Amino acid sequence: MVSVYELIEKARKTGKVEKGTNEVTKAIERGTAKLVVYGADVSPKEIVQHLPILCKEKNIPCVEADKKEKLGIAVGLGVACASAVIIKAGDSEKDLEGFVKGLKSK
C-alpha cells in the first residue's frame, strides 16, 4: 500500500491538491475533497481538530499524518504544512481508492 505522502505527491503532480487548513476546510464544505490529511504534530491542536469532525459529517476520508514537515514536502512546500486535501487524484486515482478502502477496514 502507498503511503499518504506518496499519494499526495502523485496527486499534486497529476491532479489537484490544496494546502493549508483554510483551503482544506473550504474543500470539505464544498464537497470537493477526496482525502483530507493533517499533521499529528500540529501545535496548537485547535488548528486542525475540526477537520475530522467535518469530514465525518460529509463522509470524506480523513487521515492523520505523523509529521507536518513530511506533509509540507509532499505538497511541494519547503516548510511544514498543517493540513492538505486531494481535490483531483489524477494518476493516483487507483491508489486513492485502495488507500480509502484500507482506512475503512481499520
N, C-alpha and C. Protein backbone atom coordinates (compact mmCIF):
# COMPACT_ATOMS: atom_id res chain seq x y z
N MET A 1 0.84 -1.20 0.00
CA MET A 1 0.00 0.00 0.00
C MET A 1 0.88 1.25 0.00
N VAL A 2 0.46 2.26 -0.76
CA VAL A 2 1.23 3.50 -0.83
C VAL A 2 1.07 4.30 0.46
N SER A 3 2.09 5.11 0.76
CA SER A 3 1.99 5.96 1.95
C SER A 3 1.13 7.18 1.61
N VAL A 4 0.63 7.83 2.63
CA VAL A 4 -0.21 9.01 2.43
C VAL A 4 0.61 10.11 1.75
N TYR A 5 1.91 10.15 2.03
CA TYR A 5 2.77 11.17 1.43
C TYR A 5 2.94 10.92 -0.07
N GLU A 6 3.15 9.65 -0.44
CA GLU A 6 3.29 9.30 -1.86
C GLU A 6 2.00 9.63 -2.62
N LEU A 7 0.88 9.35 -1.97
CA LEU A 7 -0.44 9.61 -2.56
C LEU A 7 -0.61 11.10 -2.85
N ILE A 8 -0.27 11.93 -1.89
CA ILE A 8 -0.40 13.38 -2.05
C ILE A 8 0.55 13.90 -3.13
N GLU A 9 1.78 13.39 -3.12
CA GLU A 9 2.77 13.84 -4.10
C GLU A 9 2.32 13.50 -5.53
N LYS A 10 1.82 12.29 -5.72
CA LYS A 10 1.34 11.86 -7.04
C LYS A 10 0.13 12.70 -7.47
N ALA A 11 -0.78 12.94 -6.55
CA ALA A 11 -1.97 13.76 -6.84
C ALA A 11 -1.56 15.20 -7.17
N ARG A 12 -0.54 15.70 -6.48
CA ARG A 12 -0.07 17.07 -6.72
C ARG A 12 0.48 17.21 -8.14
N LYS A 13 1.19 16.17 -8.59
CA LYS A 13 1.83 16.23 -9.91
C LYS A 13 0.84 16.04 -11.05
N THR A 14 -0.21 15.26 -10.83
CA THR A 14 -1.11 14.92 -11.95
C THR A 14 -2.56 15.35 -11.73
N GLY A 15 -2.90 15.76 -10.53
CA GLY A 15 -4.27 16.15 -10.23
C GLY A 15 -4.32 17.52 -9.60
N LYS A 16 -5.00 17.63 -8.46
CA LYS A 16 -5.09 18.92 -7.77
C LYS A 16 -5.09 18.69 -6.26
N VAL A 17 -4.21 19.41 -5.59
CA VAL A 17 -4.08 19.33 -4.14
C VAL A 17 -4.11 20.75 -3.57
N GLU A 18 -4.85 20.94 -2.50
CA GLU A 18 -4.85 22.23 -1.80
C GLU A 18 -4.12 22.05 -0.48
N LYS A 19 -3.45 23.11 -0.03
CA LYS A 19 -2.72 23.03 1.24
C LYS A 19 -3.12 24.18 2.15
N GLY A 20 -3.04 23.91 3.43
CA GLY A 20 -3.41 24.92 4.42
C GLY A 20 -4.81 24.64 4.95
N THR A 21 -4.98 24.84 6.25
CA THR A 21 -6.21 24.48 6.92
C THR A 21 -7.43 25.23 6.39
N ASN A 22 -7.27 26.50 6.02
CA ASN A 22 -8.41 27.26 5.48
C ASN A 22 -8.88 26.66 4.16
N GLU A 23 -7.93 26.35 3.26
CA GLU A 23 -8.29 25.77 1.96
C GLU A 23 -8.90 24.38 2.14
N VAL A 24 -8.36 23.62 3.07
CA VAL A 24 -8.86 22.27 3.34
C VAL A 24 -10.31 22.35 3.85
N THR A 25 -10.55 23.26 4.79
CA THR A 25 -11.89 23.44 5.34
C THR A 25 -12.88 23.81 4.25
N LYS A 26 -12.49 24.73 3.36
CA LYS A 26 -13.36 25.13 2.24
C LYS A 26 -13.68 23.95 1.34
N ALA A 27 -12.66 23.14 1.03
CA ALA A 27 -12.85 21.98 0.15
C ALA A 27 -13.82 20.97 0.77
N ILE A 28 -13.73 20.78 2.09
CA ILE A 28 -14.65 19.86 2.78
C ILE A 28 -16.08 20.42 2.69
N GLU A 29 -16.22 21.70 2.99
CA GLU A 29 -17.55 22.32 2.98
C GLU A 29 -18.18 22.32 1.60
N ARG A 30 -17.35 22.48 0.57
CA ARG A 30 -17.86 22.47 -0.82
C ARG A 30 -18.13 21.05 -1.32
N GLY A 31 -17.58 20.06 -0.60
CA GLY A 31 -17.76 18.68 -1.01
C GLY A 31 -16.82 18.24 -2.13
N THR A 32 -15.74 19.00 -2.36
CA THR A 32 -14.79 18.66 -3.43
C THR A 32 -13.63 17.80 -2.93
N ALA A 33 -13.50 17.65 -1.61
CA ALA A 33 -12.39 16.90 -1.02
C ALA A 33 -12.54 15.40 -1.25
N LYS A 34 -11.45 14.76 -1.68
CA LYS A 34 -11.42 13.30 -1.85
C LYS A 34 -10.74 12.62 -0.66
N LEU A 35 -9.71 13.30 -0.12
CA LEU A 35 -8.99 12.78 1.05
C LEU A 35 -8.38 13.96 1.80
N VAL A 36 -8.61 14.02 3.08
CA VAL A 36 -8.06 15.08 3.93
C VAL A 36 -6.96 14.48 4.79
N VAL A 37 -5.82 15.19 4.85
CA VAL A 37 -4.68 14.75 5.65
C VAL A 37 -4.24 15.91 6.53
N TYR A 38 -3.99 15.61 7.80
CA TYR A 38 -3.49 16.66 8.70
C TYR A 38 -2.36 16.09 9.55
N GLY A 39 -1.47 16.97 9.99
CA GLY A 39 -0.31 16.55 10.77
C GLY A 39 -0.67 16.23 12.21
N ALA A 40 -0.12 15.14 12.72
CA ALA A 40 -0.36 14.74 14.12
C ALA A 40 0.39 15.67 15.07
N ASP A 41 1.47 16.29 14.56
CA ASP A 41 2.31 17.12 15.43
C ASP A 41 2.02 18.62 15.29
N VAL A 42 0.83 18.96 14.79
CA VAL A 42 0.44 20.37 14.67
C VAL A 42 0.21 20.93 16.07
N SER A 43 0.76 22.12 16.30
CA SER A 43 0.59 22.74 17.61
C SER A 43 0.23 24.21 17.41
N PRO A 44 -0.81 24.73 18.02
CA PRO A 44 -1.76 24.02 18.88
C PRO A 44 -2.73 23.14 18.08
N LYS A 45 -3.20 22.09 18.72
CA LYS A 45 -4.11 21.11 18.10
C LYS A 45 -5.39 21.76 17.54
N GLU A 46 -5.80 22.88 18.15
CA GLU A 46 -7.05 23.56 17.76
C GLU A 46 -7.07 23.91 16.27
N ILE A 47 -5.88 24.08 15.68
CA ILE A 47 -5.79 24.47 14.27
C ILE A 47 -6.47 23.43 13.37
N VAL A 48 -6.29 22.15 13.70
CA VAL A 48 -6.81 21.09 12.82
C VAL A 48 -7.87 20.20 13.46
N GLN A 49 -8.22 20.44 14.72
CA GLN A 49 -9.11 19.49 15.41
C GLN A 49 -10.53 19.44 14.84
N HIS A 50 -10.93 20.47 14.08
CA HIS A 50 -12.27 20.46 13.47
C HIS A 50 -12.34 19.61 12.19
N LEU A 51 -11.19 19.32 11.59
CA LEU A 51 -11.17 18.61 10.30
C LEU A 51 -11.79 17.21 10.36
N PRO A 52 -11.39 16.35 11.31
CA PRO A 52 -12.01 15.01 11.35
C PRO A 52 -13.53 15.06 11.57
N ILE A 53 -13.98 16.03 12.35
CA ILE A 53 -15.42 16.16 12.63
C ILE A 53 -16.17 16.55 11.36
N LEU A 54 -15.64 17.56 10.65
CA LEU A 54 -16.26 17.98 9.39
C LEU A 54 -16.28 16.85 8.37
N CYS A 55 -15.16 16.13 8.31
CA CYS A 55 -15.04 15.02 7.36
C CYS A 55 -16.08 13.93 7.65
N LYS A 56 -16.27 13.65 8.92
CA LYS A 56 -17.23 12.62 9.32
C LYS A 56 -18.64 13.03 8.89
N GLU A 57 -18.98 14.30 9.12
CA GLU A 57 -20.30 14.83 8.73
C GLU A 57 -20.53 14.70 7.23
N LYS A 58 -19.47 14.96 6.44
CA LYS A 58 -19.60 14.97 4.98
C LYS A 58 -19.22 13.63 4.35
N ASN A 59 -18.85 12.66 5.19
CA ASN A 59 -18.46 11.33 4.72
C ASN A 59 -17.23 11.39 3.80
N ILE A 60 -16.23 12.15 4.21
CA ILE A 60 -14.98 12.30 3.46
C ILE A 60 -13.88 11.61 4.26
N PRO A 61 -13.07 10.77 3.60
CA PRO A 61 -11.98 10.11 4.33
C PRO A 61 -10.98 11.13 4.87
N CYS A 62 -10.56 10.90 6.11
CA CYS A 62 -9.64 11.82 6.79
C CYS A 62 -8.58 10.99 7.49
N VAL A 63 -7.32 11.39 7.35
CA VAL A 63 -6.25 10.62 7.95
C VAL A 63 -5.22 11.55 8.60
N GLU A 64 -4.64 11.06 9.68
CA GLU A 64 -3.62 11.83 10.40
C GLU A 64 -2.24 11.37 9.91
N ALA A 65 -1.43 12.34 9.46
CA ALA A 65 -0.05 12.04 9.05
C ALA A 65 0.86 12.29 10.25
N ASP A 66 1.93 11.52 10.37
CA ASP A 66 2.76 11.65 11.57
C ASP A 66 3.54 12.96 11.65
N LYS A 67 3.98 13.52 10.52
CA LYS A 67 4.82 14.72 10.56
C LYS A 67 4.32 15.80 9.61
N LYS A 68 4.15 17.02 10.11
CA LYS A 68 3.72 18.13 9.26
C LYS A 68 4.85 18.53 8.28
N GLU A 69 6.11 18.27 8.65
CA GLU A 69 7.22 18.58 7.76
C GLU A 69 7.14 17.71 6.50
N LYS A 70 6.90 16.40 6.70
CA LYS A 70 6.78 15.48 5.56
C LYS A 70 5.58 15.84 4.70
N LEU A 71 4.51 16.29 5.34
CA LEU A 71 3.31 16.71 4.63
C LEU A 71 3.62 17.93 3.76
N GLY A 72 4.39 18.86 4.30
CA GLY A 72 4.81 20.05 3.55
C GLY A 72 5.60 19.68 2.32
N ILE A 73 6.52 18.74 2.45
CA ILE A 73 7.33 18.28 1.32
C ILE A 73 6.44 17.62 0.27
N ALA A 74 5.50 16.79 0.71
CA ALA A 74 4.61 16.07 -0.21
C ALA A 74 3.75 17.03 -1.04
N VAL A 75 3.34 18.16 -0.45
CA VAL A 75 2.51 19.11 -1.21
C VAL A 75 3.35 20.13 -1.97
N GLY A 76 4.68 19.99 -1.88
CA GLY A 76 5.57 20.84 -2.67
C GLY A 76 5.99 22.13 -2.00
N LEU A 77 5.87 22.19 -0.68
CA LEU A 77 6.33 23.36 0.07
C LEU A 77 7.69 23.08 0.69
N GLY A 78 8.44 24.12 0.94
CA GLY A 78 9.71 23.95 1.62
C GLY A 78 9.56 24.05 3.12
N VAL A 79 8.33 24.21 3.58
CA VAL A 79 8.06 24.37 5.01
C VAL A 79 7.00 23.36 5.45
N ALA A 80 6.79 23.26 6.76
CA ALA A 80 5.77 22.34 7.29
C ALA A 80 4.38 22.78 6.86
N CYS A 81 3.49 21.82 6.76
CA CYS A 81 2.11 22.08 6.34
C CYS A 81 1.17 21.38 7.32
N ALA A 82 0.27 22.14 7.93
CA ALA A 82 -0.64 21.58 8.95
C ALA A 82 -1.62 20.59 8.34
N SER A 83 -2.15 20.92 7.15
CA SER A 83 -3.14 20.03 6.52
C SER A 83 -3.15 20.21 5.01
N ALA A 84 -3.63 19.17 4.34
CA ALA A 84 -3.72 19.18 2.88
C ALA A 84 -4.92 18.35 2.47
N VAL A 85 -5.39 18.59 1.24
CA VAL A 85 -6.55 17.85 0.74
C VAL A 85 -6.32 17.51 -0.73
N ILE A 86 -6.72 16.31 -1.11
CA ILE A 86 -6.69 15.93 -2.51
C ILE A 86 -8.06 16.29 -3.10
N ILE A 87 -8.06 17.13 -4.12
CA ILE A 87 -9.29 17.54 -4.81
C ILE A 87 -9.51 16.65 -6.03
N LYS A 88 -8.46 16.55 -6.86
CA LYS A 88 -8.49 15.65 -8.02
C LYS A 88 -7.30 14.72 -7.90
N ALA A 89 -7.55 13.42 -7.95
CA ALA A 89 -6.50 12.44 -7.71
C ALA A 89 -5.54 12.30 -8.90
N GLY A 90 -5.99 12.61 -10.11
CA GLY A 90 -5.13 12.46 -11.29
C GLY A 90 -4.72 11.01 -11.47
N ASP A 91 -3.43 10.77 -11.67
CA ASP A 91 -2.91 9.41 -11.88
C ASP A 91 -2.98 8.54 -10.62
N SER A 92 -3.23 9.15 -9.49
CA SER A 92 -3.25 8.38 -8.23
C SER A 92 -4.66 7.89 -7.87
N GLU A 93 -5.59 7.95 -8.83
CA GLU A 93 -6.98 7.55 -8.59
C GLU A 93 -7.09 6.14 -8.00
N LYS A 94 -6.42 5.17 -8.61
CA LYS A 94 -6.46 3.77 -8.15
C LYS A 94 -5.83 3.64 -6.76
N ASP A 95 -4.70 4.31 -6.57
CA ASP A 95 -4.02 4.29 -5.27
C ASP A 95 -4.92 4.87 -4.19
N LEU A 96 -5.61 5.97 -4.53
CA LEU A 96 -6.50 6.63 -3.58
C LEU A 96 -7.64 5.70 -3.18
N GLU A 97 -8.24 5.03 -4.17
CA GLU A 97 -9.33 4.09 -3.88
C GLU A 97 -8.86 3.00 -2.92
N GLY A 98 -7.69 2.43 -3.20
CA GLY A 98 -7.12 1.38 -2.35
C GLY A 98 -6.83 1.89 -0.95
N PHE A 99 -6.30 3.11 -0.87
CA PHE A 99 -5.96 3.71 0.42
C PHE A 99 -7.22 3.93 1.26
N VAL A 100 -8.26 4.46 0.64
CA VAL A 100 -9.52 4.72 1.34
C VAL A 100 -10.16 3.42 1.80
N LYS A 101 -10.11 2.38 0.96
CA LYS A 101 -10.65 1.07 1.35
C LYS A 101 -9.88 0.55 2.56
N GLY A 102 -8.56 0.74 2.56
CA GLY A 102 -7.72 0.33 3.67
C GLY A 102 -8.09 1.04 4.96
N LEU A 103 -8.44 2.32 4.84
CA LEU A 103 -8.84 3.11 6.02
C LEU A 103 -10.16 2.57 6.59
N LYS A 104 -11.09 2.27 5.71
CA LYS A 104 -12.41 1.82 6.15
C LYS A 104 -12.35 0.47 6.82
N SER A 105 -11.37 -0.35 6.44
CA SER A 105 -11.27 -1.69 7.03
C SER A 105 -10.61 -1.68 8.40
N LYS A 106 -10.05 -0.53 8.81
CA LYS A 106 -9.40 -0.42 10.12
C LYS A 106 -10.40 -0.30 11.23
